[in-house]
Amino acid sequence: MKKLVLALTALSLLGGAATPSTAAACRDKHRKFIKCPKLCRDAKGHFKKCT
């Protein structure tokens, strides 16, 4: 039971740490927030740059 609690705690900490890094990509050169494009994938399922 302790291992389950520790695993869930670790996952929640990792999930919280990922949020600022994804938000940083949604800023323009003046550090203002902009609307981020949704992630795009090609026909093979690989991520590609959206325009």
Protein backbone atom coordinates (compact mmCIF):
# COMPACT_ATOMS: atom_id res chain seq x y z
CA MET A 1 0.00 0.00 0.00
CA LYS A 2 2.87 2.37 0.79
CA LYS A 3 4.42 1.73 -2.62
CA LEU A 4 1.14 2.65 -4.31
CA VAL A 5 0.90 5.90 -2.37
CA LEU A 6 4.52 6.76 -3.14
CA ALA A 7 4.03 6.02 -6.83
CA LEU A 8 0.91 8.19 -7.03
CA THR A 9 2.68 11.00 -5.19
CA ALA A 10 5.64 10.83 -7.57
CA LEU A 11 3.36 10.92 -10.61
CA SER A 12 1.46 13.91 -9.29
CA LEU A 13 4.71 15.78 -8.65
CA LEU A 14 5.96 15.01 -12.16
CA GLY A 15 2.67 16.12 -13.66
CA GLY A 16 2.82 19.41 -11.78
CA ALA A 17 6.41 20.00 -12.86
CA ALA A 18 5.54 19.59 -16.55
CA THR A 19 2.95 22.36 -16.53
CA PRO A 20 5.31 25.40 -16.38
CA SER A 21 7.48 24.06 -19.18
CA THR A 22 4.50 23.69 -21.49
CA ALA A 23 3.21 27.13 -20.57
CA ALA A 24 6.58 28.71 -21.37
CA ALA A 25 6.23 27.66 -25.00
CA CYS A 26 3.01 29.67 -25.24
CA ARG A 27 4.67 33.06 -24.92
CA ASP A 28 5.77 35.46 -27.63
CA LYS A 29 9.08 37.34 -27.74
CA HIS A 30 7.69 39.98 -25.36
CA ARG A 31 6.90 37.26 -22.77
CA LYS A 32 3.15 37.76 -23.28
CA PHE A 33 0.88 34.73 -23.31
CA ILE A 34 -0.46 33.72 -26.71
CA LYS A 35 -2.89 31.04 -27.80
CA CYS A 36 -0.99 27.81 -28.41
CA PRO A 37 -1.69 25.68 -31.47
CA LYS A 38 -2.91 22.15 -30.87
CA LEU A 39 -0.39 19.39 -31.39
CA CYS A 40 -0.39 18.19 -34.98
CA ARG A 41 0.43 14.75 -36.30
CA ASP A 42 1.17 13.52 -39.77
CA ALA A 43 -0.32 10.41 -41.41
CA LYS A 44 2.16 8.15 -39.60
CA GLY A 45 1.20 9.56 -36.19
CA HIS A 46 4.43 11.50 -35.71
CA PHE A 47 4.31 15.03 -34.35
CA LYS A 48 4.92 17.83 -36.85
CA LYS A 49 5.12 21.61 -36.58
CA CYS A 50 1.74 23.31 -36.90
CA THR A 51 1.29 26.54 -38.81
